[in-house]
Amino acid sequence: MPSHVIVEAIPGGVVITVRVIPRASRSCVAGTRGNALLVRLTAPPVDGAANDELVQVLATALGVSRRAIDLVSGERSRLKRVRVSGLDASTVISRLNV
């Protein structure tokens, strides 16, 4: 699958399309599914816990601080769009192995 569908370059960073699987046995970036990065999270989708954990997992995987990552859309959905500031698309693609 072409990674340009998952990672979209914007001024000052990128937007990543992410599909989350809450209540997984462990938190990790688990490849791709459809046109989205697949991220498994141990947190349940309650009171923003899964969104907080998603930010932490992506920050760790990309080597950036949590504040460099913002949820653009999909706060209450499994399919989300996440903005990462300060990285270009090729760097994100190589760090996520997509």
Protein backbone atom coordinates (compact mmCIF):
# COMPACT_ATOMS: atom_id res chain seq x y z
CA MET A 1 0.00 0.00 0.00
CA PRO A 2 1.39 3.46 -0.82
CA SER A 3 2.45 5.28 2.32
CA HIS A 4 1.55 8.68 0.85
CA VAL A 5 -2.08 7.81 1.55
CA ILE A 6 -1.28 7.46 5.27
CA VAL A 7 1.11 10.41 5.66
CA GLU A 8 0.15 13.77 4.17
CA ALA A 9 2.67 16.63 4.13
CA ILE A 10 1.41 19.97 5.45
CA PRO A 11 3.27 23.22 6.20
CA GLY A 12 5.40 22.62 9.30
CA GLY A 13 4.75 18.88 9.57
CA VAL A 14 2.51 16.02 8.49
CA VAL A 15 -0.95 14.59 9.09
CA ILE A 16 -1.14 10.84 9.67
CA THR A 17 -4.34 8.81 9.21
CA VAL A 18 -4.52 6.33 12.11
CA ARG A 19 -6.84 3.43 12.95
CA VAL A 20 -6.75 2.50 16.64
CA ILE A 21 -7.61 -0.78 18.31
CA PRO A 22 -8.35 -0.07 21.98
CA ARG A 23 -8.08 -2.67 24.77
CA ALA A 24 -5.25 -4.53 23.01
CA SER A 25 -2.85 -6.73 24.98
CA ARG A 26 -0.02 -4.24 24.37
CA SER A 27 0.42 -0.77 22.89
CA CYS A 28 2.35 -0.59 19.62
CA VAL A 29 2.38 0.57 16.03
CA ALA A 30 1.19 -2.55 14.20
CA GLY A 31 1.66 -1.77 10.51
CA THR A 32 -1.14 -0.61 8.25
CA ARG A 33 -4.75 -1.50 7.60
CA GLY A 34 -6.52 -0.08 4.58
CA ASN A 35 -5.39 3.51 4.14
CA ALA A 36 -4.36 4.04 7.78
CA LEU A 37 -1.55 3.37 10.22
CA LEU A 38 -2.71 0.67 12.66
CA VAL A 39 -2.00 1.40 16.34
CA ARG A 40 -2.93 -1.01 19.12
CA LEU A 41 -3.62 0.56 22.53
CA THR A 42 -4.09 -1.05 25.93
CA ALA A 43 -6.30 1.83 27.10
CA PRO A 44 -10.09 1.66 26.77
CA PRO A 45 -11.86 4.31 24.68
CA VAL A 46 -13.18 6.07 27.82
CA ASP A 47 -12.63 9.68 28.93
CA GLY A 48 -9.93 10.26 26.32
CA ALA A 49 -7.64 7.56 27.72
CA ALA A 50 -7.08 5.93 24.33
CA ASN A 51 -6.38 9.31 22.70
CA ASP A 52 -3.80 10.14 25.39
CA GLU A 53 -2.13 6.77 24.93
CA LEU A 54 -2.17 7.20 21.13
CA VAL A 55 -0.27 10.48 21.47
CA GLN A 56 2.29 8.80 23.75
CA VAL A 57 2.77 5.78 21.44
CA LEU A 58 3.23 8.00 18.36
CA ALA A 59 5.57 10.40 20.21
CA THR A 60 7.76 7.48 21.25
CA ALA A 61 7.72 5.84 17.80
CA LEU A 62 8.56 9.11 16.05
CA GLY A 63 11.06 10.42 18.60
CA VAL A 64 9.21 13.68 19.25
CA SER A 65 7.67 15.26 22.34
CA ARG A 66 3.98 14.75 23.14
CA ARG A 67 3.26 18.41 22.48
CA ALA A 68 4.40 18.00 18.85
CA ILE A 69 1.36 15.76 18.28
CA ASP A 70 -2.25 16.99 17.99
CA LEU A 71 -5.46 15.15 17.26
CA VAL A 72 -6.98 16.84 14.18
CA SER A 73 -10.14 14.73 13.85
CA GLY A 74 -11.76 11.53 15.04
CA GLU A 75 -11.65 12.16 18.78
CA ARG A 76 -14.48 9.64 19.35
CA SER A 77 -13.77 7.40 16.36
CA ARG A 78 -11.37 4.53 15.70
CA LEU A 79 -10.24 6.34 12.55
CA LYS A 80 -8.30 9.48 13.46
CA ARG A 81 -6.15 12.14 11.81
CA VAL A 82 -3.12 13.21 13.82
CA ARG A 83 -0.88 16.21 13.10
CA VAL A 84 2.84 15.86 13.85
CA SER A 85 4.78 19.14 13.90
CA GLY A 86 8.45 19.41 12.99
CA LEU A 87 8.90 16.27 10.87
CA ASP A 88 8.67 15.80 7.12
CA ALA A 89 6.80 12.95 5.44
CA SER A 90 9.88 10.92 4.50
CA THR A 91 11.16 11.00 8.09
CA VAL A 92 7.78 9.88 9.45
CA ILE A 93 7.50 7.08 6.88
CA SER A 94 10.98 5.77 7.69
CA ARG A 95 10.49 5.95 11.49
CA LEU A 96 7.13 4.15 11.30
CA ASN A 97 8.31 1.62 8.70
CA VAL A 98 5.24 2.14 6.48
